[in-house]
Protein backbone atom coordinates (compact mmCIF):
# COMPACT_ATOMS: atom_id res chain seq x y z
CA MET A 1 -84.92 106.20 235.59
CA TYR A 2 -82.12 108.54 234.55
CA PRO A 3 -79.61 110.02 235.10
CA VAL A 4 -77.11 107.16 235.10
CA GLU A 5 -74.50 107.61 237.79
CA GLY A 6 -70.71 107.27 237.98
CA GLU A 7 -68.82 104.90 235.67
CA GLU A 8 -72.02 103.54 234.22
CA SER A 9 -72.73 107.03 232.92
CA MET A 10 -69.51 107.04 230.90
CA LYS A 11 -70.52 103.77 229.26
CA HIS A 12 -73.58 105.55 227.94
CA LEU A 13 -71.69 108.69 226.96
CA LYS A 14 -70.45 107.61 223.54
CA HIS A 15 -73.86 106.26 222.55
CA PHE A 16 -75.61 109.41 223.72
CA LEU A 17 -73.21 111.82 222.06
CA PHE A 18 -73.10 109.83 218.82
CA MET A 19 -76.82 110.47 218.45
CA ILE A 20 -76.40 114.22 218.99
CA THR A 21 -75.99 116.45 215.97
CA ALA A 22 -77.05 119.71 217.49
CA GLY A 23 -77.20 120.48 221.16
CA LEU A 24 -79.70 120.73 223.92
CA LEU A 25 -83.36 120.72 224.42
CA SER A 26 -85.55 122.63 226.75
CA LEU A 27 -88.63 120.98 228.10
CA ALA A 28 -92.31 120.76 227.21
CA LEU A 29 -95.41 120.85 229.38
CA ALA A 30 -97.92 118.01 229.58
CA GLY A 31 -101.56 117.85 228.52
CA PRO A 32 -103.90 119.02 225.77
CA ALA A 33 -104.51 122.75 225.83
CA ILE A 34 -104.51 125.71 223.53
CA ALA A 35 -102.02 128.58 223.84
CA GLU A 36 -103.12 132.19 223.55
CA GLY A 37 -102.68 134.28 220.41
CA PRO A 38 -101.27 132.99 217.10
CA TRP A 39 -99.67 129.89 218.62
CA LYS A 40 -101.30 126.72 219.94
CA PHE A 41 -100.09 123.77 222.01
CA ALA A 42 -98.59 120.90 219.97
CA GLN A 43 -96.88 118.61 222.50
CA GLN A 44 -94.91 118.50 225.74
CA LEU A 45 -91.50 117.26 226.72
CA PRO A 46 -91.11 114.90 228.34
CA ALA A 47 -94.16 112.96 227.16
CA ARG A 48 -96.39 111.66 229.97
CA ASP A 49 -95.01 108.12 229.69
CA ALA A 50 -91.39 109.09 228.97
CA GLY A 51 -90.18 107.63 232.27
CA ILE A 52 -88.09 110.61 233.31
CA VAL A 53 -88.58 113.78 235.34
CA LEU A 54 -86.84 117.06 234.57
CA GLU A 55 -86.15 119.31 237.52
CA ARG A 56 -84.70 122.56 236.14
CA PRO A 57 -84.52 122.59 232.34
CA MET A 58 -82.36 125.54 231.41
CA ALA A 59 -81.58 125.34 227.69
CA VAL A 60 -82.86 123.56 224.60
CA THR A 61 -81.42 122.64 221.23
CA ILE A 62 -82.25 120.23 218.42
CA ASP A 63 -80.74 117.75 216.00
CA GLU A 64 -82.43 118.46 212.69
CA GLN A 65 -81.01 115.33 211.09
CA THR A 66 -82.32 112.82 213.63
CA ARG A 67 -85.30 114.98 214.67
CA ARG A 68 -84.38 114.86 218.35
CA TYR A 69 -84.58 117.40 221.17
CA TYR A 70 -81.85 117.87 223.78
CA VAL A 71 -82.17 119.48 227.20
CA VAL A 72 -79.79 120.60 229.92
CA ASP A 73 -81.29 119.83 233.32
CA ALA A 74 -79.49 121.86 235.99
CA GLY A 75 -81.57 120.46 238.84
CA ARG A 76 -80.49 116.87 238.28
CA SER A 77 -77.14 117.71 236.65
CA GLN A 78 -77.89 115.75 233.52
CA LEU A 79 -78.21 116.05 229.76
CA VAL A 80 -81.32 114.41 228.29
CA SER A 81 -82.36 113.66 224.73
CA PHE A 82 -85.91 113.04 223.49
CA ASN A 83 -87.28 111.53 220.32
CA GLN A 84 -89.57 113.56 218.13
CA ASP A 85 -92.66 112.16 219.88
CA GLY A 86 -91.36 113.21 223.31
CA THR A 87 -90.25 109.75 224.45
CA LEU A 88 -86.91 109.39 226.21
CA HIS A 89 -83.90 108.61 224.07
CA ALA A 90 -80.98 108.84 226.53
CA ALA A 91 -79.59 110.67 229.55
CA PHE A 92 -76.20 110.92 231.21
CA ASN A 93 -74.17 112.95 233.69
CA ALA A 94 -70.69 112.57 232.11
CA GLY A 95 -69.33 110.32 234.83
CA GLY A 96 -70.47 112.67 237.57
CA ARG A 97 -68.66 115.69 236.08
CA LEU A 98 -71.85 117.66 235.43
CA ASP A 99 -72.59 120.12 238.22
CA ARG A 100 -75.65 122.29 237.51
CA PRO A 101 -75.10 122.55 233.74
CA ILE A 102 -77.01 125.41 232.13
CA ALA A 103 -76.13 125.40 228.41
CA MET A 104 -74.63 123.22 225.69
CA ALA A 105 -73.45 123.46 222.08
CA ARG A 106 -72.08 120.91 219.62
CA SER A 107 -69.10 121.40 217.34
CA ARG A 108 -69.01 120.11 213.78
CA ASN A 109 -66.44 117.48 214.77
CA GLY A 110 -68.88 115.96 217.27
CA THR A 111 -67.42 117.37 220.47
CA LEU A 112 -69.64 119.10 223.00
CA TRP A 113 -69.21 122.32 224.96
CA VAL A 114 -71.18 122.47 228.21
CA VAL A 115 -71.43 125.39 230.62
CA ASN A 116 -70.94 123.74 234.03
CA ARG A 117 -72.28 126.43 236.37
CA GLY A 118 -71.53 124.61 239.66
CA ALA A 119 -67.80 124.54 238.94
CA ASN A 120 -67.71 127.79 236.89
CA GLU A 121 -66.09 125.99 234.00
CA LEU A 122 -66.58 125.13 230.38
CA LEU A 123 -66.62 121.37 229.84
CA HIS A 124 -65.31 119.92 226.61
CA ILE A 125 -66.57 116.40 225.90
CA ASN A 126 -64.73 114.48 223.19
CA VAL A 127 -67.01 111.88 221.66
CA ALA A 128 -64.38 109.76 219.93
CA ARG A 129 -62.06 109.56 222.94
CA GLN A 130 -64.78 109.63 225.61
CA GLU A 131 -62.89 112.36 227.44
CA VAL A 132 -64.32 115.13 229.59
CA ASN A 133 -62.10 118.14 230.32
CA GLY A 134 -62.89 121.35 232.20
CA TYR A 135 -61.56 124.81 231.37
CA ALA A 136 -61.61 128.12 233.20
CA ILE A 137 -62.15 131.14 230.93
CA SER A 138 -60.37 134.41 231.65
CA TYR A 139 -59.69 137.79 230.08
CA PRO A 140 -56.18 138.79 228.91
CA ASP A 141 -55.58 140.59 232.23
CA GLY A 142 -56.35 137.40 234.14
CA THR A 143 -59.83 138.42 235.30
CA PRO A 144 -62.04 135.32 235.31
CA ALA A 145 -65.11 135.11 233.13
CA PHE A 146 -68.27 133.36 234.33
CA PRO A 147 -69.76 131.38 231.43
CA ALA A 148 -73.55 131.71 231.24
CA GLY A 149 -74.22 130.64 227.66
CA VAL A 150 -72.48 128.95 224.74
CA ALA A 151 -72.96 128.59 221.00
CA VAL A 152 -71.02 127.38 217.97
CA ASP A 153 -71.46 128.96 214.53
CA GLU A 154 -71.38 127.33 211.09
CA LYS A 155 -67.60 127.86 210.96
CA ASP A 156 -67.21 125.96 214.23
CA ARG A 157 -66.24 129.09 216.14
CA LEU A 158 -67.00 129.07 219.84
CA PHE A 159 -68.97 131.91 221.48
CA ILE A 160 -69.43 132.29 225.25
CA LEU A 161 -71.68 134.66 227.21
CA ASP A 162 -69.86 136.05 230.25
CA GLY A 163 -72.38 136.29 233.05
CA MET A 164 -70.24 138.78 234.99
CA ARG A 165 -69.47 141.48 232.40
CA GLY A 166 -72.36 140.54 230.13
CA ALA A 167 -70.26 140.46 226.96
CA VAL A 168 -70.35 137.73 224.33
CA LEU A 169 -66.85 136.38 223.79
CA LEU A 170 -65.51 134.82 220.60
CA MET A 171 -62.85 132.28 221.53
CA ASP A 172 -59.86 131.15 219.47
CA ASP A 173 -58.60 127.57 219.16
CA ASN A 174 -56.63 127.97 222.41
CA LEU A 175 -59.70 129.18 224.34
CA LYS A 176 -58.35 132.71 224.42
CA ILE A 177 -60.67 135.65 223.82
CA SER A 178 -60.24 136.95 220.28
CA ARG A 179 -63.23 139.32 220.09
CA GLN A 180 -65.83 140.82 222.41
CA PHE A 181 -69.39 141.82 221.60
CA ALA A 182 -70.71 144.41 224.04
CA GLY A 183 -73.24 147.23 224.18
CA GLU A 184 -73.17 151.00 224.14
CA ASN A 185 -72.60 153.55 226.92
CA ASN A 186 -74.05 152.50 230.30
CA PHE A 187 -74.16 148.94 229.03
CA GLN A 188 -75.19 146.58 231.85
CA GLY A 189 -74.69 143.25 230.12
CA PHE A 190 -76.36 140.79 227.81
CA ASN A 191 -78.33 137.93 229.31
CA ASP A 192 -78.99 135.95 226.12
CA PHE A 193 -77.73 135.74 222.54
CA VAL A 194 -78.36 133.77 219.37
CA LEU A 195 -76.34 133.20 216.20
CA LYS A 196 -78.13 133.64 212.87
CA PRO A 197 -76.95 133.71 209.24
CA ASP A 198 -76.91 137.52 209.30
CA GLY A 199 -74.91 137.82 212.52
CA LEU A 200 -75.10 137.76 216.30
CA TRP A 201 -78.21 138.99 218.14
CA ALA A 202 -78.05 139.77 221.86
CA LEU A 203 -80.58 140.82 224.50
CA GLU A 204 -79.77 143.48 227.10
CA ALA A 205 -82.56 142.86 229.60
CA SER A 206 -82.06 145.86 231.86
CA ALA A 207 -82.30 148.33 228.96
CA ARG A 208 -84.94 146.35 227.05
CA LYS A 209 -82.72 146.42 223.97
CA VAL A 210 -81.75 143.93 221.28
CA TYR A 211 -78.37 144.37 219.59
CA HIS A 212 -77.52 143.11 216.11
CA PHE A 213 -73.81 142.61 215.31
CA SER A 214 -72.10 141.39 212.18
CA MET A 215 -69.71 138.52 212.86
CA ASP A 216 -66.69 140.83 212.61
CA GLY A 217 -67.97 142.64 215.70
CA THR A 218 -69.48 145.65 213.96
CA LEU A 219 -72.64 146.92 215.61
CA VAL A 220 -75.33 146.94 212.93
CA LYS A 221 -78.37 148.09 214.87
CA VAL A 222 -79.82 148.61 218.34
CA ILE A 223 -83.54 147.94 218.71
CA GLN A 224 -85.42 149.46 221.63
CA LEU A 225 -88.25 147.27 222.92
CA SER A 226 -91.21 148.25 225.09
CA GLY A 227 -93.79 146.60 227.31
CA LEU A 228 -91.36 144.15 228.96
CA GLU A 229 -90.75 143.63 232.68
CA PHE A 230 -87.96 141.04 232.94
CA PRO A 231 -86.92 139.70 229.52
CA VAL A 232 -84.71 136.61 229.70
CA ALA A 233 -84.66 134.81 226.35
CA LEU A 234 -84.35 135.82 222.72
CA GLU A 235 -85.11 134.04 219.42
CA LEU A 236 -85.67 135.03 215.79
CA ASP A 237 -87.91 133.23 213.32
CA ALA A 238 -87.12 132.53 209.66
CA GLY A 239 -88.63 135.86 208.65
CA GLY A 240 -86.46 137.84 211.06
CA GLN A 241 -89.22 138.54 213.57
CA ILE A 242 -87.89 138.91 217.14
CA TYR A 243 -89.38 136.87 220.00
CA VAL A 244 -88.67 137.75 223.63
CA LEU A 245 -89.70 135.74 226.70
CA ASP A 246 -90.54 137.71 229.85
CA ARG A 247 -89.75 135.63 232.94
CA ARG A 248 -91.85 137.74 235.30
CA THR A 249 -95.07 137.75 233.28
CA GLY A 250 -94.66 134.49 231.35
CA ILE A 251 -95.54 136.38 228.16
CA ILE A 252 -93.75 135.96 224.83
CA THR A 253 -93.83 139.10 222.68
CA ALA A 254 -93.05 139.25 218.97
CA PHE A 255 -91.42 142.42 217.63
CA GLY A 256 -90.52 143.64 214.18
CA ARG A 257 -86.95 144.69 213.44
CA ASP A 258 -88.05 148.27 213.95
CA GLY A 259 -88.99 147.45 217.55
CA ALA A 260 -92.73 147.65 216.88
CA LYS A 261 -94.79 145.14 218.84
CA ARG A 262 -96.59 142.64 216.60
CA PHE A 263 -98.39 140.40 219.12
CA ASP A 264 -97.92 138.52 222.38
CA PHE A 265 -99.06 135.18 223.81
CA LEU A 266 -98.80 132.78 226.79
CA GLY A 267 -98.86 134.10 230.37
CA LYS A 268 -97.91 133.34 233.96
CA GLY A 269 -98.93 129.93 235.32
CA LYS A 270 -98.33 126.18 235.22
CA ARG A 271 -101.04 125.12 232.78
CA HIS A 272 -100.63 124.76 229.02
CA GLY A 273 -100.51 128.16 227.42
CA GLN A 274 -98.66 129.48 230.49
CA VAL A 275 -95.07 129.73 231.70
CA TRP A 276 -94.00 129.75 235.34
CA ASN A 277 -90.27 130.54 235.20
CA GLY A 278 -89.23 130.52 231.54
CA THR A 279 -85.58 130.16 230.57
CA ASP A 280 -85.18 129.59 226.83
CA LEU A 281 -86.77 129.86 223.38
CA LEU A 282 -85.93 127.86 220.26
CA PHE A 283 -87.50 127.15 216.88
CA ASP A 284 -87.29 123.50 215.83
CA TRP A 285 -86.91 121.96 212.35
CA SER A 286 -90.62 122.49 211.63
CA GLY A 287 -90.70 126.09 212.76
CA ARG A 288 -92.44 125.15 216.01
CA LEU A 289 -91.57 127.24 219.05
CA CYS A 290 -90.04 125.41 222.03
CA VAL A 291 -90.43 127.15 225.40
CA ALA A 292 -88.27 125.89 228.27
CA ASP A 293 -89.87 126.36 231.68
CA GLU A 294 -87.54 125.86 234.64
CA GLY A 295 -90.43 126.38 237.02
CA SER A 296 -92.64 123.56 235.75
CA GLY A 297 -89.82 121.24 234.65
CA GLN A 298 -91.17 120.89 231.13
CA ILE A 299 -90.94 122.15 227.57
CA GLU A 300 -93.99 123.41 225.80
CA ILE A 301 -93.87 123.09 222.01
CA LEU A 302 -96.18 125.43 220.15
CA THR A 303 -97.30 125.52 216.55
CA ARG A 304 -99.24 127.96 214.41
């Protein structure tokens, strides 16, 4: 079983990273059940016979080209990839450098950025050279940032969510902050963000608000949401509909861009059609919704 430890892990690193063209996966739950509302259960990650256990899946991404899912497992300090059918593809711990990783993004040149929560650093993994380097992120005045999320846009620009101030930071090529995305008066911090063709979308959980920014930092719109207790994850579908995962209730609610509630589904629990401690949302190449559940150690993949 994985993860591979120590030097053996580094032998697997190039093979694992070569197969990655996107980022990380969250996990899916096991068994045949139907989800509530407009979505129904399609499959779980890992599959029952995958031969691996996920302890705390925190973030999920996909490789559309190879049709693979990738997950960051903070509990076992590993990165794991799955084939389209949920079987295990590979896993590694970067030679023991991973310490409670919580997010990952892939650059166009094949390098990876991993938020290494245990060491409060941003890891840069170079595929071609098989190098792993750690970086501390700080503001111009020297105040340290605490990376809590990471993403790379189509121009290969690096964005980091600062878990302390709650701002999304655009980094330059020298890992210096070149732009900050933050909220309005009494802003208490973003806890999730996503990059879309029309800009950056960020969730301010405490205020139950979603912010839409253009990539130059201009605030386009603030959307007030209702009916949420503890929102933790944000995603938008191809039609621009907003999906928000509530960690406390296990419910996913879909909103229009005017903030009007469209429908909700799932609920609190550990069976299919339920979420125990949800962490992430992501639409895959087929428009299926991936729900990462740290509490159950799985990913539930839903389809319409």
